């Protein structure tokens, strides 16, 4: 069993914000696999189960706010008896240029509070993460305002493709593992244009 968790904040006010792109990826995957994401009792999440290349995969969106994502991830791992090596977290990244994807087997949070919460709850940084570049704001915009706002008019037309590319990266990770997926998605290619 594998777990793919998209990070975001619950509630319509945050639905299409930059910080919620992890949720957007999970929603798109659920739509592609024609499954419903349902409230997962005891796991503080919406989740659904799919098969990717013959492997069982739980896809989830924590209902705890971003800064408390670790509570939900820990509960999901415990409930479904999933190993850390079989866990992928999808999150936005200010330090990557808009649209760029980067998947890694572990690493620092780079100040991302959702990743910080997961690291703190699990007591380790040893879980895979897919970062989706949202770029940095201009100097006159607060970072918190920027991540909680929607993508701008120039960016919005590209979102569908970015989310599809990120979904393809998640499917590759589930089917082929982290190393092969890094070799495909971490290079500048059609997936990152």
N, C-alpha and C. Protein backbone atom coordinates (compact mmCIF):
# COMPACT_ATOMS: atom_id res chain seq x y z
N UNK A 1 0.84 -1.19 0.00
CA UNK A 1 0.00 0.00 0.00
C UNK A 1 0.88 1.25 0.00
N UNK A 2 0.49 2.22 -0.83
CA UNK A 2 1.22 3.49 -0.89
C UNK A 2 0.27 4.61 -0.53
N UNK A 3 0.85 5.75 -0.15
CA UNK A 3 0.07 6.91 0.25
C UNK A 3 0.57 8.14 -0.49
N UNK A 4 -0.36 8.86 -1.13
CA UNK A 4 -0.05 10.16 -1.74
C UNK A 4 -0.92 11.19 -1.03
N UNK A 5 -0.27 12.15 -0.38
CA UNK A 5 -0.97 13.19 0.38
C UNK A 5 -0.73 14.54 -0.27
N UNK A 6 -1.79 15.22 -0.66
CA UNK A 6 -1.69 16.59 -1.16
C UNK A 6 -1.96 17.56 -0.03
N UNK A 7 -1.09 18.55 0.14
CA UNK A 7 -1.27 19.51 1.23
C UNK A 7 -2.07 20.72 0.78
N UNK A 8 -2.80 21.28 1.74
CA UNK A 8 -3.60 22.47 1.50
C UNK A 8 -4.38 22.83 2.75
N UNK A 9 -5.24 23.82 2.61
CA UNK A 9 -6.12 24.22 3.71
C UNK A 9 -7.55 23.92 3.31
N UNK A 10 -8.35 23.37 4.23
CA UNK A 10 -9.74 23.10 3.91
C UNK A 10 -10.55 24.39 3.84
N UNK A 11 -11.66 24.35 3.10
CA UNK A 11 -12.55 25.51 3.02
C UNK A 11 -12.50 26.18 1.67
N UNK A 12 -13.66 26.65 1.23
CA UNK A 12 -13.77 27.28 -0.10
C UNK A 12 -12.89 28.51 -0.26
N UNK A 13 -12.66 29.23 0.82
CA UNK A 13 -11.86 30.46 0.74
C UNK A 13 -10.44 30.18 0.24
N UNK A 14 -9.94 28.97 0.51
CA UNK A 14 -8.57 28.62 0.12
C UNK A 14 -8.51 27.75 -1.14
N UNK A 15 -9.63 27.37 -1.67
CA UNK A 15 -9.72 26.30 -2.67
C UNK A 15 -8.70 26.40 -3.80
N UNK A 16 -8.60 27.51 -4.45
CA UNK A 16 -7.70 27.63 -5.61
C UNK A 16 -6.45 28.46 -5.32
N UNK A 17 -6.08 28.54 -4.06
CA UNK A 17 -4.90 29.32 -3.71
C UNK A 17 -3.62 28.57 -4.08
N UNK A 18 -2.53 29.32 -4.14
CA UNK A 18 -1.23 28.72 -4.45
C UNK A 18 -0.88 27.63 -3.42
N UNK A 19 -1.19 27.90 -2.16
CA UNK A 19 -0.85 26.97 -1.08
C UNK A 19 -1.64 25.66 -1.20
N UNK A 20 -2.72 25.65 -1.97
CA UNK A 20 -3.58 24.48 -2.09
C UNK A 20 -3.33 23.66 -3.35
N UNK A 21 -2.22 23.88 -4.01
CA UNK A 21 -1.98 23.14 -5.25
C UNK A 21 -1.85 21.64 -4.98
N UNK A 22 -1.40 21.26 -3.79
CA UNK A 22 -1.37 19.83 -3.43
C UNK A 22 -2.76 19.23 -3.45
N UNK A 23 -3.75 19.95 -2.90
CA UNK A 23 -5.14 19.51 -2.96
C UNK A 23 -5.60 19.39 -4.41
N UNK A 24 -5.23 20.37 -5.23
CA UNK A 24 -5.65 20.38 -6.64
C UNK A 24 -5.15 19.13 -7.37
N UNK A 25 -3.94 18.70 -7.06
CA UNK A 25 -3.38 17.49 -7.68
C UNK A 25 -4.17 16.26 -7.26
N UNK A 26 -4.49 16.15 -5.98
CA UNK A 26 -5.26 15.00 -5.49
C UNK A 26 -6.66 14.99 -6.11
N UNK A 27 -7.30 16.15 -6.18
CA UNK A 27 -8.64 16.22 -6.81
C UNK A 27 -8.58 15.78 -8.27
N UNK A 28 -7.55 16.23 -8.99
CA UNK A 28 -7.41 15.87 -10.40
C UNK A 28 -7.17 14.37 -10.56
N UNK A 29 -6.36 13.79 -9.69
CA UNK A 29 -6.13 12.34 -9.75
C UNK A 29 -7.42 11.58 -9.44
N UNK A 30 -8.15 12.03 -8.43
CA UNK A 30 -9.42 11.37 -8.09
C UNK A 30 -10.38 11.42 -9.27
N UNK A 31 -10.43 12.56 -9.94
CA UNK A 31 -11.29 12.69 -11.12
C UNK A 31 -10.84 11.76 -12.23
N UNK A 32 -9.53 11.70 -12.47
CA UNK A 32 -8.99 10.83 -13.53
C UNK A 32 -9.28 9.36 -13.25
N UNK A 33 -9.22 8.97 -11.98
CA UNK A 33 -9.49 7.58 -11.61
C UNK A 33 -10.97 7.32 -11.30
N UNK A 34 -11.76 8.37 -11.41
CA UNK A 34 -13.21 8.28 -11.19
C UNK A 34 -13.56 7.72 -9.81
N UNK A 35 -12.91 8.30 -8.80
CA UNK A 35 -13.23 7.92 -7.42
C UNK A 35 -13.67 9.16 -6.64
N UNK A 36 -14.42 8.91 -5.58
CA UNK A 36 -14.81 9.99 -4.67
C UNK A 36 -13.85 10.01 -3.49
N UNK A 37 -13.53 11.21 -3.06
CA UNK A 37 -12.74 11.36 -1.84
C UNK A 37 -13.74 11.53 -0.71
N UNK A 38 -13.68 10.63 0.27
CA UNK A 38 -14.65 10.64 1.36
C UNK A 38 -13.96 10.89 2.68
N UNK A 39 -14.73 11.40 3.63
CA UNK A 39 -14.19 11.66 4.96
C UNK A 39 -13.65 10.35 5.55
N UNK A 40 -12.41 10.37 5.96
CA UNK A 40 -11.73 9.19 6.47
C UNK A 40 -11.70 9.28 8.00
N UNK A 41 -12.61 8.57 8.63
CA UNK A 41 -12.76 8.66 10.09
C UNK A 41 -11.46 8.28 10.80
N UNK A 42 -11.09 9.12 11.72
CA UNK A 42 -9.89 8.87 12.51
C UNK A 42 -8.60 9.28 11.83
N UNK A 43 -8.69 9.67 10.55
CA UNK A 43 -7.47 10.08 9.82
C UNK A 43 -7.48 11.56 9.47
N UNK A 44 -8.48 12.30 9.93
CA UNK A 44 -8.55 13.76 9.74
C UNK A 44 -8.35 14.16 8.28
N UNK A 45 -8.92 13.38 7.35
CA UNK A 45 -8.67 13.59 5.93
C UNK A 45 -9.87 13.21 5.09
N UNK A 46 -9.82 13.66 3.82
CA UNK A 46 -10.63 13.07 2.78
C UNK A 46 -9.71 12.12 2.05
N UNK A 47 -10.18 10.92 1.74
CA UNK A 47 -9.30 9.96 1.06
C UNK A 47 -10.08 9.05 0.14
N UNK A 48 -9.35 8.41 -0.73
CA UNK A 48 -9.91 7.42 -1.64
C UNK A 48 -8.82 6.44 -2.03
N UNK A 49 -9.22 5.24 -2.44
CA UNK A 49 -8.25 4.20 -2.80
C UNK A 49 -8.32 3.93 -4.30
N UNK A 50 -7.16 3.80 -4.93
CA UNK A 50 -7.06 3.48 -6.36
C UNK A 50 -5.99 2.40 -6.55
N UNK A 51 -5.96 1.87 -7.75
CA UNK A 51 -4.87 0.97 -8.15
C UNK A 51 -4.07 1.68 -9.23
N UNK A 52 -2.76 1.76 -9.03
CA UNK A 52 -1.86 2.34 -10.02
C UNK A 52 -0.85 1.28 -10.38
N UNK A 53 -0.90 0.81 -11.61
CA UNK A 53 0.01 -0.24 -12.08
C UNK A 53 -0.05 -1.45 -11.13
N UNK A 54 -1.26 -1.81 -10.71
CA UNK A 54 -1.46 -2.98 -9.86
C UNK A 54 -1.18 -2.76 -8.39
N UNK A 55 -0.77 -1.54 -8.02
CA UNK A 55 -0.45 -1.26 -6.62
C UNK A 55 -1.59 -0.48 -5.97
N UNK A 56 -1.96 -0.85 -4.74
CA UNK A 56 -2.98 -0.11 -4.00
C UNK A 56 -2.40 1.21 -3.50
N UNK A 57 -3.13 2.28 -3.76
CA UNK A 57 -2.67 3.62 -3.38
C UNK A 57 -3.82 4.36 -2.70
N UNK A 58 -3.54 4.92 -1.53
CA UNK A 58 -4.48 5.82 -0.86
C UNK A 58 -4.09 7.24 -1.26
N UNK A 59 -5.07 8.01 -1.74
CA UNK A 59 -4.85 9.42 -2.03
C UNK A 59 -5.61 10.21 -0.98
N UNK A 60 -4.97 11.22 -0.39
CA UNK A 60 -5.61 11.92 0.72
C UNK A 60 -5.35 13.42 0.71
N UNK A 61 -6.31 14.14 1.29
CA UNK A 61 -6.20 15.57 1.53
C UNK A 61 -6.52 15.80 3.01
N UNK A 62 -5.53 16.19 3.82
CA UNK A 62 -5.79 16.43 5.24
C UNK A 62 -6.82 17.54 5.44
N UNK A 63 -7.71 17.34 6.40
CA UNK A 63 -8.70 18.34 6.75
C UNK A 63 -8.24 19.23 7.90
N UNK A 64 -7.06 18.87 8.45
CA UNK A 64 -6.43 19.77 9.42
C UNK A 64 -5.84 20.90 8.59
N UNK A 65 -5.65 22.05 9.16
CA UNK A 65 -5.06 23.12 8.38
C UNK A 65 -3.60 22.80 8.09
N UNK A 66 -3.03 23.52 7.11
CA UNK A 66 -1.68 23.25 6.63
C UNK A 66 -0.68 23.06 7.77
N UNK A 67 -0.73 23.96 8.75
CA UNK A 67 0.25 23.92 9.84
C UNK A 67 0.10 22.71 10.75
N UNK A 68 -0.98 21.95 10.57
CA UNK A 68 -1.22 20.75 11.39
C UNK A 68 -1.29 19.49 10.52
N UNK A 69 -0.74 19.54 9.33
CA UNK A 69 -0.79 18.41 8.38
C UNK A 69 -0.21 17.13 8.97
N UNK A 70 0.76 17.25 9.83
CA UNK A 70 1.42 16.08 10.39
C UNK A 70 0.47 15.17 11.16
N UNK A 71 -0.51 15.74 11.83
CA UNK A 71 -1.49 14.94 12.58
C UNK A 71 -2.21 13.98 11.64
N UNK A 72 -2.66 14.51 10.50
CA UNK A 72 -3.39 13.69 9.53
C UNK A 72 -2.48 12.66 8.88
N UNK A 73 -1.28 13.05 8.51
CA UNK A 73 -0.37 12.11 7.84
C UNK A 73 -0.01 10.96 8.79
N UNK A 74 0.28 11.29 10.03
CA UNK A 74 0.59 10.24 11.02
C UNK A 74 -0.59 9.29 11.19
N UNK A 75 -1.81 9.84 11.25
CA UNK A 75 -3.01 9.01 11.40
C UNK A 75 -3.24 8.11 10.19
N UNK A 76 -3.00 8.64 8.98
CA UNK A 76 -3.15 7.84 7.76
C UNK A 76 -2.14 6.69 7.73
N UNK A 77 -0.89 6.98 8.07
CA UNK A 77 0.14 5.93 8.07
C UNK A 77 -0.21 4.82 9.05
N UNK A 78 -0.69 5.22 10.22
CA UNK A 78 -1.05 4.24 11.25
C UNK A 78 -2.27 3.43 10.82
N UNK A 79 -3.31 4.10 10.36
CA UNK A 79 -4.55 3.42 10.00
C UNK A 79 -4.34 2.39 8.90
N UNK A 80 -3.57 2.77 7.87
CA UNK A 80 -3.39 1.88 6.71
C UNK A 80 -2.09 1.09 6.76
N UNK A 81 -1.35 1.20 7.86
CA UNK A 81 -0.09 0.47 8.05
C UNK A 81 0.85 0.68 6.85
N UNK A 82 1.09 1.94 6.54
CA UNK A 82 1.93 2.31 5.40
C UNK A 82 3.30 2.74 5.89
N UNK A 83 4.33 2.25 5.23
CA UNK A 83 5.70 2.61 5.58
C UNK A 83 6.04 4.00 5.05
N UNK A 84 6.97 4.67 5.72
CA UNK A 84 7.40 6.00 5.27
C UNK A 84 7.93 5.97 3.84
N UNK A 85 8.63 4.90 3.47
CA UNK A 85 9.20 4.82 2.12
C UNK A 85 8.11 4.73 1.06
N UNK A 86 6.88 4.44 1.47
CA UNK A 86 5.75 4.33 0.55
C UNK A 86 4.83 5.54 0.63
N UNK A 87 5.39 6.66 1.10
CA UNK A 87 4.61 7.89 1.29
C UNK A 87 5.17 9.01 0.44
N UNK A 88 4.27 9.71 -0.26
CA UNK A 88 4.64 10.88 -1.06
C UNK A 88 3.76 12.05 -0.65
N UNK A 89 4.39 13.19 -0.34
CA UNK A 89 3.67 14.40 0.03
C UNK A 89 3.81 15.41 -1.10
N UNK A 90 2.69 15.99 -1.52
CA UNK A 90 2.67 16.96 -2.63
C UNK A 90 2.39 18.34 -2.05
N UNK A 91 3.29 19.29 -2.32
CA UNK A 91 3.17 20.63 -1.72
C UNK A 91 3.68 21.70 -2.68
N UNK A 92 3.26 22.94 -2.41
CA UNK A 92 3.75 24.10 -3.15
C UNK A 92 5.16 24.44 -2.69
N UNK A 93 5.90 25.18 -3.53
CA UNK A 93 7.26 25.58 -3.17
C UNK A 93 7.55 26.97 -3.71
N UNK A 94 7.82 27.90 -2.79
CA UNK A 94 8.16 29.28 -3.15
C UNK A 94 9.51 29.40 -3.85
N UNK A 95 10.41 28.48 -3.54
CA UNK A 95 11.78 28.59 -4.04
C UNK A 95 11.98 27.98 -5.42
N UNK A 96 10.94 27.36 -5.95
CA UNK A 96 10.99 26.86 -7.33
C UNK A 96 10.22 27.82 -8.22
N UNK A 97 10.74 28.07 -9.41
CA UNK A 97 10.01 28.95 -10.31
C UNK A 97 8.66 28.33 -10.66
N UNK A 98 7.72 29.18 -10.96
CA UNK A 98 6.37 28.76 -11.28
C UNK A 98 6.38 27.65 -12.32
N UNK A 99 5.67 26.58 -12.05
CA UNK A 99 5.43 25.41 -12.91
C UNK A 99 6.47 24.31 -12.79
N UNK A 100 7.62 24.59 -12.17
CA UNK A 100 8.67 23.58 -12.06
C UNK A 100 8.28 22.50 -11.06
N UNK A 101 8.57 21.25 -11.37
CA UNK A 101 8.34 20.13 -10.46
C UNK A 101 9.67 19.60 -9.97
N UNK A 102 9.69 19.18 -8.71
CA UNK A 102 10.90 18.56 -8.16
C UNK A 102 10.47 17.51 -7.15
N UNK A 103 10.87 16.28 -7.39
CA UNK A 103 10.55 15.19 -6.47
C UNK A 103 11.84 14.68 -5.84
N UNK A 104 11.79 14.43 -4.54
CA UNK A 104 12.96 13.98 -3.79
C UNK A 104 12.53 12.92 -2.78
N UNK A 105 13.46 12.02 -2.41
CA UNK A 105 13.12 10.98 -1.44
C UNK A 105 13.04 11.48 0.01
N UNK A 106 13.63 12.66 0.28
CA UNK A 106 13.63 13.23 1.63
C UNK A 106 14.17 14.64 1.51
N UNK A 107 14.35 15.32 2.63
CA UNK A 107 14.95 16.64 2.59
C UNK A 107 14.37 17.58 3.62
N UNK A 108 14.81 18.83 3.53
CA UNK A 108 14.34 19.83 4.49
C UNK A 108 12.97 20.35 4.07
N UNK A 109 12.36 21.10 4.96
CA UNK A 109 11.05 21.67 4.67
C UNK A 109 11.17 22.96 3.88
N UNK A 110 12.36 23.58 3.87
CA UNK A 110 12.59 24.89 3.25
C UNK A 110 11.59 25.92 3.79
N UNK A 111 11.21 25.76 5.06
CA UNK A 111 10.31 26.71 5.68
C UNK A 111 8.83 26.47 5.42
N UNK A 112 8.50 25.39 4.70
CA UNK A 112 7.08 25.08 4.42
C UNK A 112 6.45 24.51 5.69
N UNK A 113 5.44 25.18 6.20
CA UNK A 113 4.89 24.80 7.50
C UNK A 113 4.19 23.45 7.48
N UNK A 114 3.60 23.08 6.36
CA UNK A 114 2.99 21.76 6.26
C UNK A 114 4.03 20.66 6.35
N UNK A 115 5.14 20.83 5.63
CA UNK A 115 6.23 19.85 5.70
C UNK A 115 6.87 19.85 7.08
N UNK A 116 6.99 21.04 7.70
CA UNK A 116 7.50 21.12 9.07
C UNK A 116 6.63 20.31 10.02
N UNK A 117 5.31 20.45 9.88
CA UNK A 117 4.38 19.73 10.75
C UNK A 117 4.51 18.22 10.58
N UNK A 118 4.67 17.77 9.34
CA UNK A 118 4.81 16.33 9.08
C UNK A 118 6.12 15.82 9.68
N UNK A 119 7.20 16.56 9.46
CA UNK A 119 8.50 16.17 10.02
C UNK A 119 8.44 16.08 11.54
N UNK A 120 7.79 17.06 12.15
CA UNK A 120 7.68 17.07 13.61
C UNK A 120 6.82 15.90 14.10
N UNK A 121 5.70 15.64 13.43
CA UNK A 121 4.80 14.55 13.85
C UNK A 121 5.42 13.18 13.67
N UNK A 122 6.20 13.01 12.59
CA UNK A 122 6.78 11.70 12.30
C UNK A 122 8.17 11.53 12.91
N UNK A 123 8.79 12.64 13.31
CA UNK A 123 10.12 12.58 13.89
C UNK A 123 11.21 12.29 12.87
N UNK A 124 10.93 12.57 11.61
CA UNK A 124 11.91 12.31 10.55
C UNK A 124 11.58 13.13 9.30
N UNK A 125 12.63 13.38 8.49
CA UNK A 125 12.45 14.02 7.18
C UNK A 125 12.45 12.99 6.06
N UNK A 126 12.50 11.71 6.42
CA UNK A 126 12.68 10.63 5.45
C UNK A 126 11.35 10.20 4.82
N UNK A 127 10.73 11.11 4.11
CA UNK A 127 9.55 10.79 3.31
C UNK A 127 9.67 11.57 2.00
N UNK A 128 9.19 10.96 0.92
CA UNK A 128 9.29 11.60 -0.39
C UNK A 128 8.37 12.80 -0.46
N UNK A 129 8.82 13.80 -1.23
CA UNK A 129 7.99 14.97 -1.42
C UNK A 129 8.09 15.45 -2.86
N UNK A 130 6.95 15.83 -3.40
CA UNK A 130 6.88 16.44 -4.73
C UNK A 130 6.58 17.91 -4.51
N UNK A 131 7.51 18.76 -4.91
CA UNK A 131 7.33 20.20 -4.77
C UNK A 131 6.91 20.77 -6.11
N UNK A 132 5.92 21.64 -6.06
CA UNK A 132 5.42 22.30 -7.27
C UNK A 132 5.72 23.78 -7.14
N UNK A 133 6.50 24.30 -8.07
CA UNK A 133 6.94 25.69 -8.00
C UNK A 133 5.80 26.68 -8.17
N UNK A 134 5.73 27.62 -7.21
CA UNK A 134 4.76 28.72 -7.33
C UNK A 134 5.49 30.06 -7.44
N UNK A 135 6.82 30.04 -7.39
CA UNK A 135 7.60 31.27 -7.50
C UNK A 135 7.46 32.15 -6.27
N UNK A 136 8.30 33.16 -6.19
CA UNK A 136 8.28 34.09 -5.06
C UNK A 136 7.51 35.35 -5.43
N UNK A 137 6.91 35.99 -4.43
CA UNK A 137 6.18 37.24 -4.71
C UNK A 137 7.15 38.40 -4.87
N UNK A 138 6.63 39.51 -5.40
CA UNK A 138 7.41 40.75 -5.43
C UNK A 138 7.70 41.18 -4.00
N UNK A 139 8.71 42.00 -3.82
CA UNK A 139 9.13 42.42 -2.48
C UNK A 139 8.04 43.13 -1.70
N UNK A 140 7.07 43.74 -2.40
CA UNK A 140 6.03 44.51 -1.71
C UNK A 140 4.84 43.64 -1.26
N UNK A 141 4.91 42.32 -1.50
CA UNK A 141 3.81 41.42 -1.11
C UNK A 141 4.30 40.49 -0.01
N UNK A 142 3.54 40.39 1.06
CA UNK A 142 3.86 39.47 2.14
C UNK A 142 3.75 38.03 1.65
N UNK A 143 4.68 37.19 2.06
CA UNK A 143 4.67 35.79 1.63
C UNK A 143 3.36 35.10 2.01
N UNK A 144 2.87 35.34 3.23
CA UNK A 144 1.63 34.69 3.67
C UNK A 144 0.45 35.11 2.79
N UNK A 145 0.39 36.37 2.41
CA UNK A 145 -0.69 36.83 1.51
C UNK A 145 -0.55 36.18 0.14
N UNK A 146 0.68 36.07 -0.32
CA UNK A 146 0.95 35.50 -1.65
C UNK A 146 0.52 34.04 -1.73
N UNK A 147 0.93 33.23 -0.76
CA UNK A 147 0.61 31.79 -0.86
C UNK A 147 -0.87 31.52 -0.68
N UNK A 148 -1.56 32.40 0.05
CA UNK A 148 -2.99 32.20 0.27
C UNK A 148 -3.87 32.86 -0.80
N UNK A 149 -3.23 33.51 -1.77
CA UNK A 149 -3.99 34.13 -2.86
C UNK A 149 -4.02 33.19 -4.08
N UNK A 150 -4.90 33.52 -5.01
CA UNK A 150 -5.02 32.70 -6.22
C UNK A 150 -3.92 33.05 -7.21
N UNK A 151 -3.71 32.14 -8.14
CA UNK A 151 -2.74 32.39 -9.20
C UNK A 151 -3.20 33.57 -10.05
N UNK A 152 -2.25 34.29 -10.64
CA UNK A 152 -2.62 35.47 -11.42
C UNK A 152 -3.12 35.09 -12.82
N UNK A 153 -3.58 36.09 -13.54
CA UNK A 153 -4.19 35.85 -14.87
C UNK A 153 -3.22 35.20 -15.86
N UNK A 154 -1.96 35.55 -15.76
CA UNK A 154 -0.96 34.96 -16.65
C UNK A 154 -0.70 33.49 -16.32
N UNK A 155 -0.78 33.14 -15.03
CA UNK A 155 -0.49 31.78 -14.58
C UNK A 155 -1.66 30.82 -14.75
N UNK A 156 -2.88 31.31 -14.55
CA UNK A 156 -4.06 30.43 -14.54
C UNK A 156 -4.19 29.54 -15.78
N UNK A 157 -3.93 30.04 -17.00
CA UNK A 157 -4.07 29.16 -18.17
C UNK A 157 -3.11 27.96 -18.15
N UNK A 158 -2.02 28.07 -17.40
CA UNK A 158 -1.02 26.99 -17.34
C UNK A 158 -1.31 25.96 -16.25
N UNK A 159 -2.23 26.29 -15.34
CA UNK A 159 -2.45 25.44 -14.17
C UNK A 159 -2.89 24.03 -14.52
N UNK A 160 -3.80 23.89 -15.47
CA UNK A 160 -4.30 22.55 -15.81
C UNK A 160 -3.15 21.63 -16.20
N UNK A 161 -2.22 22.15 -17.03
CA UNK A 161 -1.09 21.34 -17.48
C UNK A 161 -0.13 21.04 -16.32
N UNK A 162 0.09 22.01 -15.46
CA UNK A 162 0.99 21.82 -14.31
C UNK A 162 0.42 20.73 -13.39
N UNK A 163 -0.87 20.81 -13.12
CA UNK A 163 -1.52 19.83 -12.24
C UNK A 163 -1.51 18.45 -12.90
N UNK A 164 -1.71 18.40 -14.21
CA UNK A 164 -1.64 17.12 -14.92
C UNK A 164 -0.23 16.54 -14.85
N UNK A 165 0.79 17.38 -15.04
CA UNK A 165 2.18 16.93 -14.96
C UNK A 165 2.49 16.39 -13.56
N UNK A 166 2.01 17.11 -12.54
CA UNK A 166 2.24 16.67 -11.16
C UNK A 166 1.53 15.34 -10.90
N UNK A 167 0.32 15.18 -11.44
CA UNK A 167 -0.40 13.91 -11.31
C UNK A 167 0.35 12.78 -11.99
N UNK A 168 0.91 13.05 -13.15
CA UNK A 168 1.72 12.04 -13.85
C UNK A 168 2.95 11.67 -13.03
N UNK A 169 3.53 12.65 -12.36
CA UNK A 169 4.69 12.39 -11.49
C UNK A 169 4.28 11.48 -10.33
N UNK A 170 3.12 11.75 -9.74
CA UNK A 170 2.61 10.90 -8.64
C UNK A 170 2.38 9.47 -9.13
N UNK A 171 1.79 9.33 -10.30
CA UNK A 171 1.53 7.99 -10.84
C UNK A 171 2.84 7.26 -11.13
N UNK A 172 3.82 7.99 -11.66
CA UNK A 172 5.13 7.39 -11.93
C UNK A 172 5.78 6.93 -10.63
N UNK A 173 5.72 7.76 -9.60
CA UNK A 173 6.29 7.39 -8.29
C UNK A 173 5.64 6.11 -7.77
N UNK A 174 4.31 6.01 -7.87
CA UNK A 174 3.61 4.83 -7.37
C UNK A 174 3.98 3.58 -8.17
N UNK A 175 4.16 3.74 -9.47
CA UNK A 175 4.41 2.59 -10.34
C UNK A 175 5.88 2.23 -10.47
N UNK A 176 6.76 3.24 -10.55
CA UNK A 176 8.17 3.00 -10.89
C UNK A 176 9.15 3.29 -9.76
N UNK A 177 8.68 3.98 -8.72
CA UNK A 177 9.57 4.31 -7.62
C UNK A 177 10.20 5.68 -7.77
N UNK A 178 10.92 6.09 -6.73
CA UNK A 178 11.44 7.44 -6.65
C UNK A 178 12.58 7.71 -7.63
N UNK A 179 13.51 6.77 -7.80
CA UNK A 179 14.70 7.04 -8.62
C UNK A 179 14.33 7.28 -10.07
N UNK A 180 13.56 6.38 -10.64
CA UNK A 180 13.16 6.55 -12.04
C UNK A 180 12.31 7.80 -12.22
N UNK A 181 11.45 8.07 -11.26
CA UNK A 181 10.59 9.26 -11.35
C UNK A 181 11.42 10.54 -11.27
N UNK A 182 12.43 10.57 -10.43
CA UNK A 182 13.33 11.73 -10.37
C UNK A 182 14.02 11.94 -11.71
N UNK A 183 14.45 10.86 -12.34
CA UNK A 183 15.14 10.96 -13.62
C UNK A 183 14.24 11.52 -14.72
N UNK A 184 12.95 11.30 -14.59
CA UNK A 184 12.00 11.80 -15.59
C UNK A 184 11.59 13.24 -15.29
N UNK A 185 11.22 13.51 -14.05
CA UNK A 185 10.54 14.77 -13.74
C UNK A 185 11.42 15.87 -13.18
N UNK A 186 12.64 15.56 -12.73
CA UNK A 186 13.49 16.61 -12.17
C UNK A 186 14.34 17.30 -13.22
N UNK A 187 14.30 16.83 -14.44
CA UNK A 187 15.04 17.49 -15.50
C UNK A 187 14.12 18.50 -16.19
N UNK A 188 14.72 19.49 -16.80
CA UNK A 188 13.90 20.43 -17.57
C UNK A 188 13.42 19.69 -18.82
N UNK A 189 12.15 19.53 -18.90
CA UNK A 189 11.58 18.75 -20.01
C UNK A 189 10.19 19.25 -20.28
N UNK A 190 9.49 18.53 -21.11
CA UNK A 190 8.11 18.90 -21.42
C UNK A 190 7.25 18.91 -20.16
N UNK A 191 7.67 18.17 -19.11
CA UNK A 191 6.89 18.13 -17.88
C UNK A 191 7.03 19.41 -17.07
N UNK A 192 8.10 20.16 -17.33
CA UNK A 192 8.35 21.36 -16.54
C UNK A 192 8.24 22.64 -17.36
N UNK A 193 7.74 22.57 -18.54
CA UNK A 193 7.62 23.77 -19.39
C UNK A 193 6.26 24.40 -19.21
